[in-house]
Amino acid sequence: MSTHHEQLVRIPIDSTKLEGSLALPIQAQGLVVFAHGSGSSRFSPRNNFVAQVLREAGIGTLLMDLLTEEEDAVYQTRFNIDLLSERLLLATHWLQEQQRTKDLVIGYFGASTGAAAALKAAAAVGSIIGAVVSRGGRPDLAGEALPHVQSPTLLIVGGEDDIVIELNRDAYAKLKSKKELVIVPGATHLFEEPGTLEEVARLATDWFKQYLV
């Protein structure tokens, strides 16, 4: 028996619609919107793995594409953090208007450039976003938005991801919200080593359960 209800949603953005997969466990406690990195999509196996673990813990998930296929084909657009965060905000407002999701506290899970978009969007709406988790993220690309983030933020980085560790440490220093930086030993940028993605999912689930539920 399925413990959650999953549906394809089309979120109106400007003159187009972006597709996403919305999955809500029975009596969902909170809802996490995933912002994937450049060159990835809502079908990212790593994000889908984390999403599955979250749903098993009773937290709803929305995996969506922040860019259309045409936009994603343009390299510069993938790194347009302003555009990505704007799309994330539009999706957030859409969720707040839907009968099934309007009462759920929303969190963001961002990977790579998606982490910067998540933090920039969170900074724009203040305490509305219950928590943010970054996996192998580029929070530094959120720039001047970092000190304005009010949401509790967890930065997860692989222990072998040297350059990104430093970028995360710099961003961590600028965050003024409740925050934590966790370095997963033995993990490279994509957390492909045995057990490392499971550790990411465990850390993220604990963080969201603490602040969304």
N, C-alpha and C. Protein backbone atom coordinates (compact mmCIF):
# COMPACT_ATOMS: atom_id res chain seq x y z
N MET A 1 0.84 -1.20 0.00
CA MET A 1 0.00 0.00 0.00
C MET A 1 0.88 1.25 0.00
N SER A 2 0.59 2.19 -0.88
CA SER A 2 1.37 3.43 -0.95
C SER A 2 1.07 4.29 0.28
N THR A 3 2.14 4.84 0.87
CA THR A 3 1.96 5.68 2.05
C THR A 3 1.92 7.16 1.68
N HIS A 4 2.04 7.45 0.38
CA HIS A 4 1.96 8.85 -0.03
C HIS A 4 1.27 8.97 -1.39
N HIS A 5 0.73 10.16 -1.61
CA HIS A 5 0.03 10.43 -2.87
C HIS A 5 0.94 11.30 -3.73
N GLU A 6 1.22 10.84 -4.95
CA GLU A 6 2.13 11.57 -5.84
C GLU A 6 1.39 12.03 -7.09
N GLN A 7 1.65 13.25 -7.53
CA GLN A 7 0.99 13.75 -8.73
C GLN A 7 1.92 14.68 -9.51
N LEU A 8 1.72 14.70 -10.81
CA LEU A 8 2.43 15.64 -11.66
C LEU A 8 1.71 16.98 -11.56
N VAL A 9 2.46 18.03 -11.28
CA VAL A 9 1.86 19.37 -11.19
C VAL A 9 2.50 20.27 -12.23
N ARG A 10 1.75 21.26 -12.69
CA ARG A 10 2.28 22.25 -13.61
C ARG A 10 2.10 23.62 -12.97
N ILE A 11 3.22 24.23 -12.65
CA ILE A 11 3.20 25.48 -11.91
C ILE A 11 3.34 26.65 -12.89
N PRO A 12 2.34 27.53 -12.92
CA PRO A 12 2.40 28.65 -13.87
C PRO A 12 3.50 29.65 -13.53
N ILE A 13 4.39 29.85 -14.48
CA ILE A 13 5.52 30.78 -14.32
C ILE A 13 5.52 31.69 -15.54
N ASP A 14 5.27 32.97 -15.34
CA ASP A 14 5.23 33.91 -16.46
C ASP A 14 4.29 33.38 -17.56
N SER A 15 4.82 33.17 -18.76
CA SER A 15 3.95 32.73 -19.86
C SER A 15 4.02 31.22 -20.07
N THR A 16 4.71 30.53 -19.15
CA THR A 16 4.88 29.09 -19.33
C THR A 16 4.46 28.35 -18.06
N LYS A 17 4.63 27.03 -18.08
CA LYS A 17 4.36 26.23 -16.88
C LYS A 17 5.55 25.31 -16.66
N LEU A 18 5.98 25.21 -15.41
CA LEU A 18 7.08 24.32 -15.07
C LEU A 18 6.52 23.06 -14.42
N GLU A 19 7.04 21.91 -14.82
CA GLU A 19 6.52 20.64 -14.30
C GLU A 19 7.24 20.24 -13.02
N GLY A 20 6.48 19.57 -12.18
CA GLY A 20 7.07 19.07 -10.95
C GLY A 20 6.33 17.84 -10.47
N SER A 21 6.95 17.13 -9.57
CA SER A 21 6.34 15.96 -8.96
C SER A 21 6.10 16.25 -7.49
N LEU A 22 4.83 16.34 -7.12
CA LEU A 22 4.44 16.65 -5.74
C LEU A 22 3.99 15.37 -5.05
N ALA A 23 4.65 15.04 -3.96
CA ALA A 23 4.32 13.80 -3.24
C ALA A 23 4.07 14.13 -1.77
N LEU A 24 2.88 13.77 -1.31
CA LEU A 24 2.51 14.07 0.08
C LEU A 24 2.19 12.79 0.83
N PRO A 25 2.95 12.50 1.90
CA PRO A 25 2.58 11.38 2.75
C PRO A 25 1.23 11.67 3.42
N ILE A 26 0.56 10.64 3.88
CA ILE A 26 -0.68 10.82 4.62
C ILE A 26 -0.34 11.63 5.88
N GLN A 27 -1.11 12.68 6.13
CA GLN A 27 -0.85 13.59 7.26
C GLN A 27 0.59 14.12 7.22
N ALA A 28 0.95 14.69 6.09
CA ALA A 28 2.31 15.21 5.90
C ALA A 28 2.65 16.27 6.96
N GLN A 29 3.88 16.21 7.43
CA GLN A 29 4.40 17.18 8.40
C GLN A 29 5.44 18.03 7.68
N GLY A 30 5.01 19.10 7.05
CA GLY A 30 5.96 19.94 6.33
C GLY A 30 6.14 19.49 4.89
N LEU A 31 6.76 20.37 4.09
CA LEU A 31 6.93 20.12 2.67
C LEU A 31 8.27 20.70 2.22
N VAL A 32 9.09 19.88 1.56
CA VAL A 32 10.41 20.32 1.12
C VAL A 32 10.42 20.47 -0.41
N VAL A 33 10.79 21.67 -0.87
CA VAL A 33 10.93 21.94 -2.30
C VAL A 33 12.40 21.77 -2.67
N PHE A 34 12.66 20.96 -3.70
CA PHE A 34 14.03 20.69 -4.14
C PHE A 34 14.43 21.64 -5.26
N ALA A 35 15.62 22.22 -5.11
CA ALA A 35 16.19 23.07 -6.17
C ALA A 35 17.48 22.40 -6.61
N HIS A 36 17.47 21.77 -7.79
CA HIS A 36 18.64 21.02 -8.23
C HIS A 36 19.69 21.93 -8.85
N GLY A 37 20.87 21.38 -9.05
CA GLY A 37 21.97 22.15 -9.59
C GLY A 37 21.96 22.22 -11.10
N SER A 38 22.89 22.97 -11.65
CA SER A 38 22.97 23.15 -13.10
C SER A 38 23.25 21.82 -13.78
N GLY A 39 22.60 21.60 -14.91
CA GLY A 39 22.81 20.38 -15.67
C GLY A 39 22.06 19.18 -15.14
N SER A 40 21.32 19.38 -14.05
CA SER A 40 20.54 18.28 -13.48
C SER A 40 19.06 18.56 -13.76
N SER A 41 18.18 17.73 -13.20
CA SER A 41 16.75 17.94 -13.40
C SER A 41 16.00 17.34 -12.22
N ARG A 42 14.68 17.43 -12.28
CA ARG A 42 13.89 16.89 -11.16
C ARG A 42 13.99 15.36 -11.09
N PHE A 43 14.56 14.75 -12.13
CA PHE A 43 14.74 13.30 -12.13
C PHE A 43 16.10 12.89 -11.54
N SER A 44 16.84 13.85 -11.00
CA SER A 44 18.14 13.57 -10.38
C SER A 44 18.02 12.40 -9.40
N PRO A 45 18.75 11.30 -9.63
CA PRO A 45 18.62 10.15 -8.74
C PRO A 45 19.02 10.47 -7.30
N ARG A 46 19.99 11.39 -7.13
CA ARG A 46 20.42 11.72 -5.77
C ARG A 46 19.32 12.47 -5.02
N ASN A 47 18.73 13.48 -5.67
CA ASN A 47 17.65 14.21 -5.00
C ASN A 47 16.44 13.32 -4.77
N ASN A 48 16.16 12.43 -5.72
CA ASN A 48 15.01 11.54 -5.54
C ASN A 48 15.23 10.57 -4.39
N PHE A 49 16.48 10.16 -4.18
CA PHE A 49 16.79 9.30 -3.04
C PHE A 49 16.52 10.03 -1.73
N VAL A 50 17.02 11.27 -1.63
CA VAL A 50 16.80 12.06 -0.41
C VAL A 50 15.30 12.31 -0.20
N ALA A 51 14.59 12.60 -1.30
CA ALA A 51 13.14 12.87 -1.22
C ALA A 51 12.40 11.65 -0.67
N GLN A 52 12.80 10.46 -1.12
CA GLN A 52 12.16 9.23 -0.66
C GLN A 52 12.34 9.06 0.85
N VAL A 53 13.55 9.34 1.34
CA VAL A 53 13.82 9.23 2.78
C VAL A 53 12.97 10.24 3.56
N LEU A 54 12.84 11.45 3.01
CA LEU A 54 12.01 12.47 3.67
C LEU A 54 10.56 12.02 3.75
N ARG A 55 10.05 11.46 2.65
CA ARG A 55 8.65 11.01 2.64
C ARG A 55 8.42 9.89 3.65
N GLU A 56 9.41 9.01 3.78
CA GLU A 56 9.29 7.93 4.76
C GLU A 56 9.22 8.48 6.18
N ALA A 57 9.77 9.69 6.36
CA ALA A 57 9.73 10.35 7.67
C ALA A 57 8.48 11.23 7.81
N GLY A 58 7.59 11.18 6.80
CA GLY A 58 6.33 11.92 6.89
C GLY A 58 6.37 13.34 6.36
N ILE A 59 7.43 13.67 5.61
CA ILE A 59 7.57 15.02 5.07
C ILE A 59 7.29 15.00 3.56
N GLY A 60 6.45 15.92 3.08
CA GLY A 60 6.11 16.00 1.66
C GLY A 60 7.27 16.55 0.85
N THR A 61 7.26 16.26 -0.46
CA THR A 61 8.34 16.74 -1.33
C THR A 61 7.79 17.28 -2.64
N LEU A 62 8.45 18.30 -3.16
CA LEU A 62 8.17 18.79 -4.52
C LEU A 62 9.50 18.84 -5.27
N LEU A 63 9.63 17.94 -6.26
CA LEU A 63 10.80 17.96 -7.14
C LEU A 63 10.36 18.63 -8.43
N MET A 64 10.98 19.75 -8.76
CA MET A 64 10.53 20.50 -9.93
C MET A 64 11.72 21.03 -10.72
N ASP A 65 11.48 21.32 -11.98
CA ASP A 65 12.48 21.97 -12.82
C ASP A 65 12.27 23.48 -12.74
N LEU A 66 13.33 24.21 -12.39
CA LEU A 66 13.21 25.66 -12.27
C LEU A 66 13.37 26.36 -13.61
N LEU A 67 13.84 25.62 -14.62
CA LEU A 67 14.02 26.17 -15.97
C LEU A 67 13.27 25.31 -16.98
N THR A 68 12.84 25.92 -18.06
CA THR A 68 12.28 25.15 -19.17
C THR A 68 13.45 24.46 -19.89
N GLU A 69 13.13 23.51 -20.76
CA GLU A 69 14.19 22.81 -21.50
C GLU A 69 15.02 23.78 -22.33
N GLU A 70 14.34 24.77 -22.94
CA GLU A 70 15.04 25.75 -23.77
C GLU A 70 16.00 26.59 -22.91
N GLU A 71 15.52 27.01 -21.75
CA GLU A 71 16.36 27.83 -20.87
C GLU A 71 17.55 27.03 -20.36
N ASP A 72 17.30 25.77 -20.03
CA ASP A 72 18.35 24.93 -19.47
C ASP A 72 19.46 24.65 -20.49
N ALA A 73 19.13 24.78 -21.76
CA ALA A 73 20.12 24.54 -22.81
C ALA A 73 21.14 25.69 -22.90
N VAL A 74 20.81 26.82 -22.28
CA VAL A 74 21.71 27.99 -22.30
C VAL A 74 22.56 27.96 -21.03
N TYR A 75 23.86 27.78 -21.20
CA TYR A 75 24.78 27.60 -20.06
C TYR A 75 24.66 28.72 -19.04
N GLN A 76 24.62 29.99 -19.51
CA GLN A 76 24.58 31.14 -18.59
C GLN A 76 23.32 31.12 -17.73
N THR A 77 22.21 30.69 -18.32
CA THR A 77 20.94 30.70 -17.60
C THR A 77 20.98 29.77 -16.40
N ARG A 78 21.72 28.68 -16.53
CA ARG A 78 21.82 27.72 -15.42
C ARG A 78 22.46 28.36 -14.19
N PHE A 79 23.24 29.40 -14.41
CA PHE A 79 23.93 30.06 -13.30
C PHE A 79 23.30 31.42 -12.95
N ASN A 80 22.09 31.66 -13.49
CA ASN A 80 21.39 32.91 -13.20
C ASN A 80 20.63 32.73 -11.88
N ILE A 81 21.33 33.00 -10.78
CA ILE A 81 20.77 32.73 -9.45
C ILE A 81 19.51 33.58 -9.19
N ASP A 82 19.50 34.81 -9.71
CA ASP A 82 18.32 35.67 -9.54
C ASP A 82 17.08 35.02 -10.17
N LEU A 83 17.25 34.49 -11.38
CA LEU A 83 16.14 33.85 -12.08
C LEU A 83 15.69 32.58 -11.35
N LEU A 84 16.66 31.77 -10.93
CA LEU A 84 16.33 30.51 -10.24
C LEU A 84 15.59 30.78 -8.92
N SER A 85 16.05 31.78 -8.17
CA SER A 85 15.41 32.07 -6.89
C SER A 85 14.00 32.66 -7.10
N GLU A 86 13.86 33.44 -8.16
CA GLU A 86 12.54 33.99 -8.50
C GLU A 86 11.54 32.86 -8.81
N ARG A 87 12.00 31.87 -9.56
CA ARG A 87 11.14 30.72 -9.88
C ARG A 87 10.78 29.93 -8.62
N LEU A 88 11.75 29.80 -7.74
CA LEU A 88 11.52 29.09 -6.49
C LEU A 88 10.46 29.80 -5.64
N LEU A 89 10.52 31.12 -5.64
CA LEU A 89 9.53 31.92 -4.91
C LEU A 89 8.14 31.79 -5.52
N LEU A 90 8.06 31.79 -6.85
CA LEU A 90 6.77 31.63 -7.52
C LEU A 90 6.16 30.26 -7.19
N ALA A 91 7.01 29.23 -7.16
CA ALA A 91 6.54 27.89 -6.80
C ALA A 91 6.07 27.86 -5.34
N THR A 92 6.78 28.57 -4.48
CA THR A 92 6.41 28.64 -3.06
C THR A 92 5.05 29.30 -2.90
N HIS A 93 4.84 30.41 -3.59
CA HIS A 93 3.54 31.11 -3.51
C HIS A 93 2.42 30.22 -4.06
N TRP A 94 2.73 29.47 -5.10
CA TRP A 94 1.74 28.56 -5.68
C TRP A 94 1.33 27.50 -4.65
N LEU A 95 2.32 26.94 -3.96
CA LEU A 95 2.04 25.92 -2.94
C LEU A 95 1.19 26.50 -1.80
N GLN A 96 1.44 27.77 -1.48
CA GLN A 96 0.68 28.41 -0.40
C GLN A 96 -0.78 28.65 -0.77
N GLU A 97 -1.08 28.55 -2.07
CA GLU A 97 -2.46 28.78 -2.53
C GLU A 97 -3.23 27.48 -2.77
N GLN A 98 -2.52 26.35 -2.76
CA GLN A 98 -3.18 25.07 -3.04
C GLN A 98 -3.80 24.49 -1.77
N GLN A 99 -4.99 23.95 -1.90
CA GLN A 99 -5.73 23.43 -0.76
C GLN A 99 -4.93 22.40 0.04
N ARG A 100 -4.23 21.51 -0.69
CA ARG A 100 -3.55 20.40 -0.02
C ARG A 100 -2.23 20.79 0.64
N THR A 101 -1.67 21.94 0.24
CA THR A 101 -0.34 22.29 0.75
C THR A 101 -0.30 23.62 1.51
N LYS A 102 -1.40 24.36 1.52
CA LYS A 102 -1.34 25.73 2.06
C LYS A 102 -1.03 25.79 3.56
N ASP A 103 -1.31 24.71 4.28
CA ASP A 103 -1.07 24.74 5.73
C ASP A 103 0.26 24.11 6.14
N LEU A 104 1.04 23.67 5.15
CA LEU A 104 2.31 23.01 5.47
C LEU A 104 3.46 24.02 5.53
N VAL A 105 4.33 23.85 6.53
CA VAL A 105 5.53 24.68 6.59
C VAL A 105 6.49 24.21 5.50
N ILE A 106 7.03 25.15 4.74
CA ILE A 106 7.87 24.82 3.59
C ILE A 106 9.35 24.96 3.92
N GLY A 107 10.14 23.98 3.43
CA GLY A 107 11.59 24.05 3.53
C GLY A 107 12.19 23.91 2.13
N TYR A 108 13.46 24.28 2.00
CA TYR A 108 14.16 24.15 0.71
C TYR A 108 15.36 23.21 0.85
N PHE A 109 15.54 22.35 -0.16
CA PHE A 109 16.73 21.51 -0.25
C PHE A 109 17.42 21.85 -1.57
N GLY A 110 18.61 22.43 -1.49
CA GLY A 110 19.29 22.87 -2.71
C GLY A 110 20.61 22.15 -2.91
N ALA A 111 20.88 21.76 -4.16
CA ALA A 111 22.16 21.15 -4.51
C ALA A 111 22.89 22.06 -5.50
N SER A 112 24.20 22.15 -5.34
CA SER A 112 25.02 22.94 -6.26
C SER A 112 24.49 24.37 -6.38
N THR A 113 24.21 24.86 -7.60
CA THR A 113 23.69 26.22 -7.76
C THR A 113 22.30 26.37 -7.15
N GLY A 114 21.56 25.26 -7.05
CA GLY A 114 20.23 25.29 -6.44
C GLY A 114 20.27 25.73 -4.99
N ALA A 115 21.40 25.48 -4.31
CA ALA A 115 21.54 25.90 -2.91
C ALA A 115 21.57 27.43 -2.82
N ALA A 116 22.26 28.07 -3.77
CA ALA A 116 22.31 29.53 -3.78
C ALA A 116 20.92 30.10 -4.04
N ALA A 117 20.19 29.49 -4.98
CA ALA A 117 18.83 29.94 -5.28
C ALA A 117 17.93 29.78 -4.05
N ALA A 118 18.09 28.66 -3.35
CA ALA A 118 17.27 28.40 -2.16
C ALA A 118 17.54 29.44 -1.07
N LEU A 119 18.81 29.77 -0.86
CA LEU A 119 19.15 30.75 0.18
C LEU A 119 18.70 32.15 -0.21
N LYS A 120 18.84 32.48 -1.48
CA LYS A 120 18.40 33.81 -1.94
C LYS A 120 16.88 33.95 -1.82
N ALA A 121 16.16 32.88 -2.18
CA ALA A 121 14.70 32.90 -2.05
C ALA A 121 14.30 32.99 -0.59
N ALA A 122 14.97 32.21 0.26
CA ALA A 122 14.65 32.23 1.70
C ALA A 122 14.88 33.62 2.29
N ALA A 123 15.96 34.26 1.86
CA ALA A 123 16.26 35.62 2.36
C ALA A 123 15.16 36.60 1.98
N ALA A 124 14.56 36.38 0.81
CA ALA A 124 13.54 37.31 0.31
C ALA A 124 12.23 37.23 1.08
N VAL A 125 11.94 36.07 1.66
CA VAL A 125 10.63 35.90 2.33
C VAL A 125 10.73 35.73 3.84
N GLY A 126 11.94 35.81 4.37
CA GLY A 126 12.10 35.76 5.82
C GLY A 126 11.73 34.43 6.44
N SER A 127 11.01 34.50 7.55
CA SER A 127 10.75 33.29 8.36
C SER A 127 9.69 32.37 7.76
N ILE A 128 9.13 32.73 6.59
CA ILE A 128 8.13 31.86 5.94
C ILE A 128 8.74 30.50 5.62
N ILE A 129 10.02 30.49 5.23
CA ILE A 129 10.70 29.23 4.93
C ILE A 129 11.25 28.65 6.23
N GLY A 130 10.77 27.45 6.58
CA GLY A 130 11.08 26.88 7.88
C GLY A 130 12.53 26.45 8.05
N ALA A 131 13.17 26.00 6.96
CA ALA A 131 14.55 25.52 7.04
C ALA A 131 15.12 25.37 5.64
N VAL A 132 16.45 25.44 5.54
CA VAL A 132 17.15 25.23 4.27
C VAL A 132 18.27 24.21 4.50
N VAL A 133 18.40 23.28 3.54
CA VAL A 133 19.53 22.34 3.55
C VAL A 133 20.25 22.45 2.20
N SER A 134 21.57 22.53 2.24
CA SER A 134 22.39 22.60 1.04
C SER A 134 23.25 21.34 0.96
N ARG A 135 23.21 20.65 -0.20
CA ARG A 135 24.05 19.46 -0.40
C ARG A 135 25.10 19.76 -1.47
N GLY A 136 26.36 19.75 -1.07
CA GLY A 136 27.42 20.04 -2.04
C GLY A 136 27.13 21.34 -2.76
N GLY A 137 26.63 22.30 -2.01
CA GLY A 137 26.09 23.52 -2.62
C GLY A 137 27.11 24.61 -2.86
N ARG A 138 26.64 25.62 -3.58
CA ARG A 138 27.42 26.84 -3.79
C ARG A 138 26.70 28.00 -3.11
N PRO A 139 26.59 27.95 -1.76
CA PRO A 139 25.90 29.02 -1.05
C PRO A 139 26.56 30.38 -1.23
N ASP A 140 27.86 30.36 -1.58
CA ASP A 140 28.58 31.61 -1.81
C ASP A 140 27.95 32.43 -2.93
N LEU A 141 27.29 31.73 -3.90
CA LEU A 141 26.67 32.44 -5.03
C LEU A 141 25.41 33.21 -4.61
N ALA A 142 24.96 33.01 -3.37
CA ALA A 142 23.82 33.81 -2.87
C ALA A 142 24.28 35.21 -2.47
N GLY A 143 25.59 35.38 -2.36
CA GLY A 143 26.19 36.70 -2.16
C GLY A 143 25.63 37.51 -1.00
N GLU A 144 25.15 38.71 -1.33
CA GLU A 144 24.70 39.64 -0.29
C GLU A 144 23.43 39.21 0.41
N ALA A 145 22.76 38.18 -0.12
CA ALA A 145 21.52 37.71 0.52
C ALA A 145 21.81 36.92 1.81
N LEU A 146 23.02 36.36 1.92
CA LEU A 146 23.33 35.44 3.03
C LEU A 146 23.02 36.00 4.43
N PRO A 147 23.44 37.24 4.75
CA PRO A 147 23.16 37.75 6.10
C PRO A 147 21.67 37.96 6.37
N HIS A 148 20.85 37.95 5.31
CA HIS A 148 19.41 38.22 5.47
C HIS A 148 18.58 36.94 5.62
N VAL A 149 19.24 35.78 5.50
CA VAL A 149 18.52 34.52 5.65
C VAL A 149 18.12 34.35 7.11
N GLN A 150 16.82 34.11 7.35
CA GLN A 150 16.35 33.89 8.72
C GLN A 150 16.13 32.40 9.00
N SER A 151 16.00 31.60 7.96
CA SER A 151 15.70 30.18 8.13
C SER A 151 16.91 29.42 8.66
N PRO A 152 16.70 28.49 9.61
CA PRO A 152 17.79 27.62 10.06
C PRO A 152 18.40 26.90 8.85
N THR A 153 19.71 26.98 8.71
CA THR A 153 20.38 26.49 7.50
C THR A 153 21.45 25.46 7.82
N LEU A 154 21.36 24.32 7.11
CA LEU A 154 22.35 23.25 7.25
C LEU A 154 23.13 23.13 5.95
N LEU A 155 24.44 23.28 6.03
CA LEU A 155 25.31 23.13 4.87
C LEU A 155 26.02 21.78 4.98
N ILE A 156 25.83 20.90 3.97
CA ILE A 156 26.48 19.59 3.96
C ILE A 156 27.47 19.54 2.80
N VAL A 157 28.71 19.20 3.13
CA VAL A 157 29.76 19.17 2.11
C VAL A 157 30.55 17.88 2.23
N GLY A 158 31.02 17.36 1.09
CA GLY A 158 31.87 16.18 1.11
C GLY A 158 33.27 16.50 1.59
N GLY A 159 33.84 15.60 2.39
CA GLY A 159 35.16 15.82 2.97
C GLY A 159 36.28 15.90 1.94
N GLU A 160 36.03 15.35 0.73
CA GLU A 160 37.04 15.38 -0.33
C GLU A 160 36.77 16.50 -1.34
N ASP A 161 35.78 17.33 -1.05
CA ASP A 161 35.37 18.38 -1.99
C ASP A 161 36.03 19.71 -1.58
N ASP A 162 37.37 19.75 -1.71
CA ASP A 162 38.18 20.80 -1.09
C ASP A 162 37.73 22.22 -1.37
N ILE A 163 37.60 22.57 -2.65
CA ILE A 163 37.27 23.96 -3.01
C ILE A 163 35.90 24.33 -2.47
N VAL A 164 34.95 23.40 -2.59
CA VAL A 164 33.59 23.69 -2.13
C VAL A 164 33.52 23.80 -0.61
N ILE A 165 34.38 23.08 0.10
CA ILE A 165 34.44 23.22 1.57
C ILE A 165 34.76 24.67 1.93
N GLU A 166 35.78 25.22 1.26
CA GLU A 166 36.17 26.61 1.56
C GLU A 166 35.07 27.59 1.22
N LEU A 167 34.41 27.38 0.09
CA LEU A 167 33.30 28.27 -0.30
C LEU A 167 32.17 28.19 0.71
N ASN A 168 31.91 27.00 1.24
CA ASN A 168 30.86 26.83 2.24
C ASN A 168 31.25 27.46 3.58
N ARG A 169 32.54 27.36 3.92
CA ARG A 169 33.00 27.99 5.17
C ARG A 169 32.83 29.50 5.10
N ASP A 170 33.16 30.06 3.93
CA ASP A 170 33.01 31.52 3.76
C ASP A 170 31.54 31.92 3.87
N ALA A 171 30.67 31.14 3.22
CA ALA A 171 29.23 31.45 3.26
C ALA A 171 28.69 31.27 4.68
N TYR A 172 29.14 30.22 5.36
CA TYR A 172 28.71 29.94 6.73
C TYR A 172 29.00 31.13 7.65
N ALA A 173 30.16 31.73 7.45
CA ALA A 173 30.56 32.88 8.28
C ALA A 173 29.61 34.07 8.09
N LYS A 174 29.00 34.16 6.91
CA LYS A 174 28.12 35.30 6.61
C LYS A 174 26.68 35.07 7.06
N LEU A 175 26.33 33.81 7.28
CA LEU A 175 24.96 33.50 7.71
C LEU A 175 24.76 33.93 9.16
N LYS A 176 23.62 34.58 9.43
CA LYS A 176 23.34 35.03 10.79
C LYS A 176 22.23 34.20 11.44
N SER A 177 21.60 33.34 10.66
CA SER A 177 20.52 32.50 11.19
C SER A 177 21.11 31.34 12.00
N LYS A 178 20.25 30.53 12.59
CA LYS A 178 20.72 29.29 13.21
C LYS A 178 21.34 28.46 12.09
N LYS A 179 22.51 27.91 12.32
CA LYS A 179 23.22 27.29 11.20
C LYS A 179 24.12 26.16 11.68
N GLU A 180 24.43 25.27 10.73
CA GLU A 180 25.36 24.18 11.00
C GLU A 180 26.06 23.81 9.69
N LEU A 181 27.33 23.49 9.79
CA LEU A 181 28.11 23.03 8.64
C LEU A 181 28.62 21.63 8.96
N VAL A 182 28.22 20.65 8.15
CA VAL A 182 28.64 19.26 8.38
C VAL A 182 29.46 18.79 7.19
N ILE A 183 30.65 18.29 7.49
CA ILE A 183 31.52 17.73 6.44
C ILE A 183 31.45 16.21 6.53
N VAL A 184 31.00 15.57 5.45
CA VAL A 184 30.85 14.11 5.43
C VAL A 184 32.18 13.48 5.00
N PRO A 185 32.84 12.74 5.90
CA PRO A 185 34.15 12.19 5.59
C PRO A 185 34.12 11.26 4.37
N GLY A 186 35.15 11.38 3.53
CA GLY A 186 35.30 10.46 2.41
C GLY A 186 34.42 10.74 1.20
N ALA A 187 33.56 11.76 1.30
CA ALA A 187 32.62 12.04 0.20
C ALA A 187 33.21 13.06 -0.76
N THR A 188 33.01 12.82 -2.06
CA THR A 188 33.38 13.80 -3.08
C THR A 188 32.14 14.65 -3.38
N HIS A 189 32.22 15.49 -4.40
CA HIS A 189 31.18 16.49 -4.66
C HIS A 189 29.78 15.89 -4.83
N LEU A 190 29.69 14.75 -5.51
CA LEU A 190 28.37 14.18 -5.81
C LEU A 190 27.91 13.12 -4.80
N PHE A 191 28.71 12.90 -3.75
CA PHE A 191 28.34 11.92 -2.71
C PHE A 191 28.04 10.55 -3.33
N GLU A 192 28.96 10.09 -4.19
CA GLU A 192 28.77 8.82 -4.88
C GLU A 192 29.38 7.64 -4.10
N GLU A 193 30.14 7.94 -3.06
CA GLU A 193 30.80 6.89 -2.30
C GLU A 193 29.78 6.16 -1.41
N PRO A 194 30.00 4.86 -1.17
CA PRO A 194 29.03 4.06 -0.40
C PRO A 194 28.71 4.70 0.96
N GLY A 195 27.40 4.83 1.20
CA GLY A 195 26.94 5.33 2.49
C GLY A 195 26.89 6.84 2.64
N THR A 196 27.53 7.58 1.72
CA THR A 196 27.61 9.04 1.91
C THR A 196 26.28 9.73 1.61
N LEU A 197 25.58 9.27 0.58
CA LEU A 197 24.29 9.89 0.27
C LEU A 197 23.26 9.55 1.35
N GLU A 198 23.38 8.34 1.90
CA GLU A 198 22.50 7.95 3.02
C GLU A 198 22.71 8.90 4.21
N GLU A 199 23.97 9.27 4.42
CA GLU A 199 24.29 10.20 5.50
C GLU A 199 23.69 11.58 5.22
N VAL A 200 23.76 12.04 3.98
CA VAL A 200 23.14 13.32 3.58
C VAL A 200 21.63 13.27 3.88
N ALA A 201 20.99 12.17 3.47
CA ALA A 201 19.54 12.03 3.67
C ALA A 201 19.19 12.03 5.15
N ARG A 202 20.01 11.36 5.96
CA ARG A 202 19.76 11.31 7.40
C ARG A 202 19.89 12.71 8.03
N LEU A 203 20.96 13.40 7.67
CA LEU A 203 21.19 14.75 8.20
C LEU A 203 20.06 15.70 7.81
N ALA A 204 19.68 15.64 6.52
CA ALA A 204 18.61 16.52 6.02
C ALA A 204 17.29 16.22 6.71
N THR A 205 16.97 14.93 6.86
CA THR A 205 15.70 14.55 7.49
C THR A 205 15.65 15.03 8.93
N ASP A 206 16.74 14.86 9.66
CA ASP A 206 16.78 15.31 11.06
C ASP A 206 16.58 16.83 11.13
N TRP A 207 17.21 17.54 10.21
CA TRP A 207 17.12 19.02 10.22
C TRP A 207 15.68 19.47 9.92
N PHE A 208 15.10 18.88 8.88
CA PHE A 208 13.73 19.28 8.52
C PHE A 208 12.73 18.86 9.59
N LYS A 209 12.93 17.70 10.18
CA LYS A 209 11.99 17.27 11.24
C LYS A 209 12.06 18.23 12.43
N GLN A 210 13.24 18.75 12.66
CA GLN A 210 13.41 19.68 13.79
C GLN A 210 12.71 21.02 13.53
N TYR A 211 12.73 21.49 12.29
CA TYR A 211 12.24 22.84 12.02
C TYR A 211 10.95 22.96 11.22
N LEU A 212 10.51 21.89 10.57
CA LEU A 212 9.28 21.97 9.79
C LEU A 212 8.09 21.36 10.52
N VAL A 213 8.37 20.36 11.35
CA VAL A 213 7.28 19.57 11.95
C VAL A 213 6.72 20.29 13.16
